[in-house]
Amino acid sequence: MPPRSPLPQRHGLDAAWVRTPGPGDGAAISWATMRDFLVVRLPAHAEVERRLSAGEFVDSSGHPWSGDEAYRPHVFVWFHRPLAPETPVPFEVDVLAQHDRYVVVDKPPFLATTPRGAHARETALVRLRVALDLPELAPAHRLDRLTAGVLLFTTRREHRGAYAGVFQGRRATKTYEAIAPVDPTLEFPRTLVGRIEKRRGELQARIVPGEPNASTDVDVLEVRGAWARYRLTPLTGKTHQLRVQMATLGLPIAGDPLYPDVVDVPADDFSRPLQLIARRLAFTDPVDGTPVAFESRRALEWPG
């Protein structure tokens, strides 16, 4: 892990870093200067030459790299990534509760939890850091970009471990609601059990043969014609677990562009949100031992 960043956040985003390889890392060391390393290591749009001249690459003490230094192994280079234009997500992040140790929000669909890929400023984390002036805000768990609902962030670095441990130790009860088709041949309640794997570079997760690693309790709450509102209680937390399990059951969640088939949706099309909401989150506070529960106020939209 790197040391604490010597650069302040910019627009709510942490500085990025690269660590120079050295003997024992399996890399062929062929760079004479730090400039040579950065030009090869970073993409062309990073504009290494211009930014070295501007002093935008710094070492762990905050001192700018000139680029002319002899290459040094096992050192950190810190910098801010250039930000590409992003399509604004036209929905607000509603704060459900703000505590000294945490903030609980009602995340809208289409907004990623944390920066990743094409989504940087248009994420729940960055929006909240700026709006609440909480630079150390960090997620205790995550929701898919397309999934709406209750999401918990810790306010300061010293609280992260305790609250993240609640989710890592499966001591939180998470209840979701979804709109999906009705199949009169299926009986509910039922438990969906299987093995989910998601390969790097693939959009979809898959249920594959092998030892189960994913389990979800499912029940029907309401039926309207060909559609139903389901309560989903995941007992595990695999990527896309609810979406892939429901699709495999033959009940794909309404508005899902990934399951059962991948649908290409333009980045500026917010007309068909995924009808999946993290409705309720409950756990025992790991710091003071009090039971807490939070509920999303967002509504599901019935198709048609």
Protein backbone atom coordinates (compact mmCIF):
# COMPACT_ATOMS: atom_id res chain seq x y z
CA MET A 1 0.00 0.00 0.00
CA PRO A 2 1.23 3.53 -0.72
CA PRO A 3 1.88 6.09 2.00
CA ARG A 4 -0.62 8.90 2.51
CA SER A 5 -0.85 11.14 -0.54
CA PRO A 6 1.25 14.33 -0.43
CA LEU A 7 -1.25 15.96 -2.81
CA PRO A 8 -4.64 17.28 -1.69
CA GLN A 9 -7.82 16.11 -3.35
CA ARG A 10 -8.95 17.88 -6.50
CA HIS A 11 -12.68 18.15 -7.25
CA GLY A 12 -13.25 15.53 -4.54
CA LEU A 13 -10.90 13.04 -6.21
CA ASP A 14 -7.80 11.55 -4.60
CA ALA A 15 -4.46 11.83 -6.35
CA ALA A 16 -3.29 8.82 -8.36
CA TRP A 17 0.08 7.12 -7.98
CA VAL A 18 2.46 4.73 -9.67
CA ARG A 19 5.29 2.80 -8.02
CA THR A 20 8.47 2.18 -9.92
CA PRO A 21 9.42 -1.50 -10.22
CA GLY A 22 12.72 -2.87 -9.08
CA PRO A 23 14.64 -6.11 -8.64
CA GLY A 24 12.34 -8.91 -7.60
CA ASP A 25 9.27 -7.46 -9.33
CA GLY A 26 9.79 -9.45 -12.51
CA ALA A 27 10.15 -6.31 -14.63
CA ALA A 28 12.96 -5.62 -17.08
CA ILE A 29 14.49 -2.32 -15.91
CA SER A 30 15.44 -0.37 -19.03
CA TRP A 31 14.75 3.25 -18.07
CA ALA A 32 17.61 5.69 -17.64
CA THR A 33 15.56 8.49 -16.12
CA MET A 34 12.28 8.94 -14.29
CA ARG A 35 10.98 10.71 -17.40
CA ASP A 36 11.64 7.59 -19.47
CA PHE A 37 9.65 5.49 -17.00
CA LEU A 38 6.67 7.85 -16.87
CA VAL A 39 6.44 8.18 -20.67
CA VAL A 40 6.28 4.39 -21.01
CA ARG A 41 4.11 3.74 -17.94
CA LEU A 42 1.41 6.38 -18.48
CA PRO A 43 -0.93 6.75 -21.49
CA ALA A 44 -0.30 9.38 -24.14
CA HIS A 45 -3.13 11.62 -22.90
CA ALA A 46 -1.30 11.99 -19.56
CA GLU A 47 0.94 14.60 -21.29
CA VAL A 48 4.00 13.60 -19.29
CA GLU A 49 6.41 16.18 -20.74
CA ARG A 50 4.11 19.15 -20.21
CA ARG A 51 3.16 18.09 -16.71
CA LEU A 52 6.75 17.42 -15.65
CA SER A 53 7.56 20.98 -16.74
CA ALA A 54 4.62 22.22 -14.70
CA GLY A 55 5.74 20.29 -11.60
CA GLU A 56 2.60 18.15 -11.51
CA PHE A 57 4.35 14.86 -10.68
CA VAL A 58 5.62 14.75 -7.10
CA ASP A 59 7.38 12.29 -4.81
CA SER A 60 6.09 11.05 -1.44
CA SER A 61 7.25 14.24 0.26
CA GLY A 62 5.45 16.45 -2.26
CA HIS A 63 8.64 17.53 -4.05
CA PRO A 64 8.16 17.79 -7.86
CA TRP A 65 9.95 15.33 -10.11
CA SER A 66 11.84 17.08 -12.90
CA GLY A 67 12.06 13.89 -14.93
CA ASP A 68 15.81 14.20 -15.32
CA GLU A 69 16.53 12.22 -12.15
CA ALA A 70 18.19 8.86 -12.65
CA TYR A 71 15.60 6.07 -12.54
CA ARG A 72 14.96 4.90 -8.98
CA PRO A 73 13.24 1.62 -8.13
CA HIS A 74 10.51 1.26 -5.49
CA VAL A 75 9.51 4.91 -5.24
CA PHE A 76 6.08 6.50 -5.61
CA VAL A 77 5.12 9.13 -8.15
CA TRP A 78 1.94 11.04 -7.29
CA PHE A 79 -0.22 13.07 -9.69
CA HIS A 80 -3.79 14.03 -10.52
CA ARG A 81 -5.31 12.24 -13.48
CA PRO A 82 -6.66 14.44 -16.28
CA LEU A 83 -10.44 14.40 -16.14
CA ALA A 84 -12.42 13.58 -19.25
CA PRO A 85 -15.88 15.11 -19.82
CA GLU A 86 -18.67 13.11 -18.18
CA THR A 87 -22.37 12.92 -18.87
CA PRO A 88 -24.12 14.39 -15.81
CA VAL A 89 -26.44 11.97 -14.02
CA PRO A 90 -29.70 13.92 -13.62
CA PHE A 91 -30.62 12.52 -10.19
CA GLU A 92 -29.71 13.67 -6.71
CA VAL A 93 -28.08 11.71 -3.88
CA ASP A 94 -30.46 12.07 -0.93
CA VAL A 95 -28.96 12.01 2.57
CA LEU A 96 -30.98 9.77 4.91
CA ALA A 97 -28.81 10.22 7.99
CA GLN A 98 -25.61 12.08 8.87
CA HIS A 99 -23.67 10.99 11.93
CA ASP A 100 -20.24 11.92 13.24
CA ARG A 101 -18.96 8.51 12.08
CA TYR A 102 -21.02 7.83 8.97
CA VAL A 103 -23.36 9.19 6.31
CA VAL A 104 -26.24 7.11 4.94
CA VAL A 105 -27.64 8.06 1.53
CA ASP A 106 -30.35 7.02 -0.89
CA LYS A 107 -28.34 6.53 -4.08
CA PRO A 108 -30.10 7.07 -7.41
CA PRO A 109 -29.71 4.68 -10.35
CA PHE A 110 -26.99 5.36 -12.97
CA LEU A 111 -24.60 6.82 -10.39
CA ALA A 112 -21.55 4.70 -9.53
CA THR A 113 -20.59 4.37 -5.89
CA THR A 114 -16.90 5.21 -6.44
CA PRO A 115 -14.74 6.45 -9.34
CA ARG A 116 -14.00 3.79 -11.91
CA GLY A 117 -13.40 3.82 -15.64
CA ALA A 118 -15.38 6.58 -17.33
CA HIS A 119 -17.07 7.63 -14.09
CA ALA A 120 -15.08 9.93 -11.82
CA ARG A 121 -16.83 13.11 -10.72
CA GLU A 122 -20.26 11.64 -11.51
CA THR A 123 -20.12 9.20 -8.60
CA ALA A 124 -21.83 9.16 -5.23
CA LEU A 125 -18.53 9.35 -3.34
CA VAL A 126 -17.17 12.41 -5.14
CA ARG A 127 -20.47 14.26 -5.14
CA LEU A 128 -20.82 13.76 -1.40
CA ARG A 129 -17.22 14.67 -0.57
CA VAL A 130 -17.73 18.01 -2.28
CA ALA A 131 -21.30 18.69 -1.10
CA LEU A 132 -20.68 17.75 2.55
CA ASP A 133 -17.05 18.95 2.73
CA LEU A 134 -15.90 15.53 3.95
CA PRO A 135 -12.62 14.76 2.15
CA GLU A 136 -12.07 11.47 4.03
CA LEU A 137 -15.52 10.10 3.16
CA ALA A 138 -15.29 6.47 1.99
CA PRO A 139 -17.82 3.72 1.21
CA ALA A 140 -18.27 0.95 3.77
CA HIS A 141 -19.81 -1.19 1.00
CA ARG A 142 -20.93 -0.68 -2.60
CA LEU A 143 -23.94 -0.78 -4.88
CA ASP A 144 -23.82 -1.40 -8.62
CA ARG A 145 -24.01 1.76 -10.71
CA LEU A 146 -27.50 0.84 -11.91
CA THR A 147 -28.83 -0.22 -8.49
CA ALA A 148 -30.48 2.45 -6.35
CA GLY A 149 -31.00 2.55 -2.61
CA VAL A 150 -29.39 2.65 0.82
CA LEU A 151 -25.62 3.12 0.89
CA LEU A 152 -23.36 3.82 3.89
CA PHE A 153 -20.16 5.89 3.91
CA THR A 154 -17.76 6.48 6.77
CA THR A 155 -16.77 10.08 7.49
CA ARG A 156 -13.16 9.67 8.62
CA ARG A 157 -10.29 7.30 8.05
CA GLU A 158 -10.29 5.96 11.63
CA HIS A 159 -13.86 4.66 11.26
CA ARG A 160 -13.45 2.80 7.97
CA GLY A 161 -12.29 -0.53 9.34
CA ALA A 162 -15.07 -0.91 11.90
CA TYR A 163 -17.95 -0.29 9.49
CA ALA A 164 -16.40 -2.06 6.52
CA GLY A 165 -15.99 -5.06 8.85
CA VAL A 166 -19.75 -5.17 9.38
CA PHE A 167 -20.23 -5.88 5.68
CA GLN A 168 -17.17 -8.05 5.21
CA GLY A 169 -18.27 -10.16 8.19
CA ARG A 170 -21.85 -10.38 6.82
CA ARG A 171 -23.25 -8.82 9.98
CA ALA A 172 -25.51 -6.43 8.05
CA THR A 173 -28.98 -7.38 6.88
CA LYS A 174 -29.64 -6.02 3.40
CA THR A 175 -33.09 -6.25 1.84
CA TYR A 176 -33.75 -5.37 -1.80
CA GLU A 177 -36.91 -4.97 -3.85
CA ALA A 178 -37.21 -5.57 -7.59
CA ILE A 179 -39.79 -5.64 -10.37
CA ALA A 180 -39.57 -8.77 -12.53
CA PRO A 181 -41.92 -11.01 -14.53
CA VAL A 182 -44.36 -13.45 -12.97
CA ASP A 183 -43.97 -17.20 -13.55
CA PRO A 184 -46.99 -19.05 -12.13
CA THR A 185 -45.09 -22.35 -12.23
CA LEU A 186 -42.59 -21.15 -9.61
CA GLU A 187 -43.32 -21.37 -5.90
CA PHE A 188 -42.28 -18.70 -3.41
CA PRO A 189 -40.65 -18.10 -1.01
CA ARG A 190 -37.56 -19.86 -2.29
CA THR A 191 -33.79 -19.67 -1.92
CA LEU A 192 -31.54 -19.28 -4.96
CA VAL A 193 -28.20 -21.02 -4.48
CA GLY A 194 -25.35 -21.38 -6.97
CA ARG A 195 -21.82 -20.52 -7.92
CA ILE A 196 -21.26 -17.09 -9.49
CA GLU A 197 -18.07 -16.13 -11.31
CA LYS A 198 -17.21 -12.94 -13.18
CA ARG A 199 -14.19 -12.95 -15.45
CA ARG A 200 -12.05 -9.85 -15.88
CA GLY A 201 -13.02 -7.96 -19.02
CA GLU A 202 -16.50 -9.48 -19.27
CA LEU A 203 -19.63 -7.45 -18.55
CA GLN A 204 -21.73 -10.33 -17.27
CA ALA A 205 -21.29 -12.56 -14.27
CA ARG A 206 -22.28 -16.20 -14.79
CA ILE A 207 -23.66 -19.07 -12.78
CA VAL A 208 -21.29 -21.99 -13.30
CA PRO A 209 -20.93 -25.54 -11.97
CA GLY A 210 -19.07 -25.91 -8.70
CA GLU A 211 -19.35 -25.28 -5.01
CA PRO A 212 -22.03 -22.64 -4.29
CA ASN A 213 -20.80 -19.21 -3.28
CA ALA A 214 -24.02 -17.19 -3.62
CA SER A 215 -27.36 -17.48 -1.84
CA THR A 216 -30.45 -15.26 -1.95
CA ASP A 217 -33.87 -15.60 -0.32
CA VAL A 218 -36.69 -14.49 -2.68
CA ASP A 219 -40.36 -13.86 -1.99
CA VAL A 220 -43.26 -12.20 -3.82
CA LEU A 221 -44.67 -9.04 -2.24
CA GLU A 222 -47.17 -7.94 -4.87
CA VAL A 223 -48.44 -9.00 -8.30
CA ARG A 224 -49.79 -6.75 -11.03
CA GLY A 225 -50.68 -8.62 -14.19
CA ALA A 226 -47.55 -10.11 -15.76
CA TRP A 227 -45.20 -8.41 -13.26
CA ALA A 228 -44.42 -8.81 -9.59
CA ARG A 229 -42.58 -6.94 -6.88
CA TYR A 230 -40.09 -9.25 -5.20
CA ARG A 231 -38.23 -9.03 -1.90
CA LEU A 232 -34.63 -10.20 -2.29
CA THR A 233 -32.47 -10.90 0.74
CA PRO A 234 -28.90 -11.77 -0.26
CA LEU A 235 -27.00 -13.93 2.22
CA THR A 236 -23.75 -13.38 0.27
CA GLY A 237 -22.39 -10.48 -1.79
CA LYS A 238 -21.14 -11.58 -5.20
CA THR A 239 -20.95 -9.16 -8.13
CA HIS A 240 -24.36 -8.78 -9.84
CA GLN A 241 -25.67 -11.56 -7.60
CA LEU A 242 -29.34 -10.58 -7.59
CA ARG A 243 -29.43 -9.71 -11.26
CA VAL A 244 -27.79 -12.88 -12.55
CA GLN A 245 -29.72 -15.17 -10.19
CA MET A 246 -33.10 -13.70 -11.14
CA ALA A 247 -32.27 -13.83 -14.85
CA THR A 248 -31.15 -17.44 -14.56
CA LEU A 249 -34.45 -18.23 -12.84
CA GLY A 250 -36.20 -16.82 -15.92
CA LEU A 251 -37.24 -13.64 -14.13
CA PRO A 252 -34.88 -10.88 -15.35
CA ILE A 253 -35.26 -7.62 -13.45
CA ALA A 254 -37.05 -4.93 -15.43
CA GLY A 255 -34.73 -2.41 -17.08
CA ASP A 256 -31.62 -4.59 -16.83
CA PRO A 257 -29.29 -3.95 -19.81
CA LEU A 258 -26.98 -6.87 -18.92
CA TYR A 259 -29.18 -9.83 -18.05
CA PRO A 260 -30.13 -12.03 -19.71
CA ASP A 261 -28.70 -10.23 -22.78
CA VAL A 262 -26.33 -7.28 -23.11
CA VAL A 263 -28.12 -4.23 -24.52
CA ASP A 264 -26.16 -1.21 -25.73
CA VAL A 265 -27.55 1.86 -23.94
CA PRO A 266 -26.23 5.36 -24.80
CA ALA A 267 -24.43 7.09 -21.94
CA ASP A 268 -26.99 9.91 -21.90
CA ASP A 269 -30.06 7.65 -21.86
CA PHE A 270 -31.56 7.59 -18.35
CA SER A 271 -35.06 6.63 -19.47
CA ARG A 272 -35.08 2.99 -18.34
CA PRO A 273 -33.60 2.62 -14.84
CA LEU A 274 -33.00 -0.83 -13.44
CA GLN A 275 -35.95 -1.69 -11.21
CA LEU A 276 -33.81 -2.83 -8.29
CA ILE A 277 -33.57 -0.93 -5.02
CA ALA A 278 -31.54 -1.63 -1.90
CA ARG A 279 -34.62 -1.01 0.23
CA ARG A 280 -33.40 -1.56 3.79
CA LEU A 281 -30.10 -1.80 5.63
CA ALA A 282 -29.88 -2.89 9.27
CA PHE A 283 -26.93 -3.70 11.53
CA THR A 284 -25.56 -3.26 15.02
CA ASP A 285 -23.30 -0.23 15.22
CA PRO A 286 -19.76 -1.64 15.72
CA VAL A 287 -18.70 1.37 17.79
CA ASP A 288 -21.50 1.90 20.31
CA GLY A 289 -23.47 -1.36 19.94
CA THR A 290 -26.82 0.24 19.10
CA PRO A 291 -29.11 -1.34 16.49
CA VAL A 292 -29.67 0.91 13.46
CA ALA A 293 -31.80 0.58 10.33
CA PHE A 294 -32.28 2.76 7.27
CA GLU A 295 -34.82 2.55 4.47
CA SER A 296 -34.83 3.89 0.92
CA ARG A 297 -37.62 6.27 -0.04
CA ARG A 298 -37.27 5.57 -3.76
CA ALA A 299 -40.17 4.05 -5.68
CA LEU A 300 -40.06 1.22 -8.19
CA GLU A 301 -41.71 1.80 -11.57
CA TRP A 302 -44.04 -0.89 -12.90
CA PRO A 303 -43.55 -1.60 -16.63
CA GLY A 304 -46.31 -0.39 -18.90
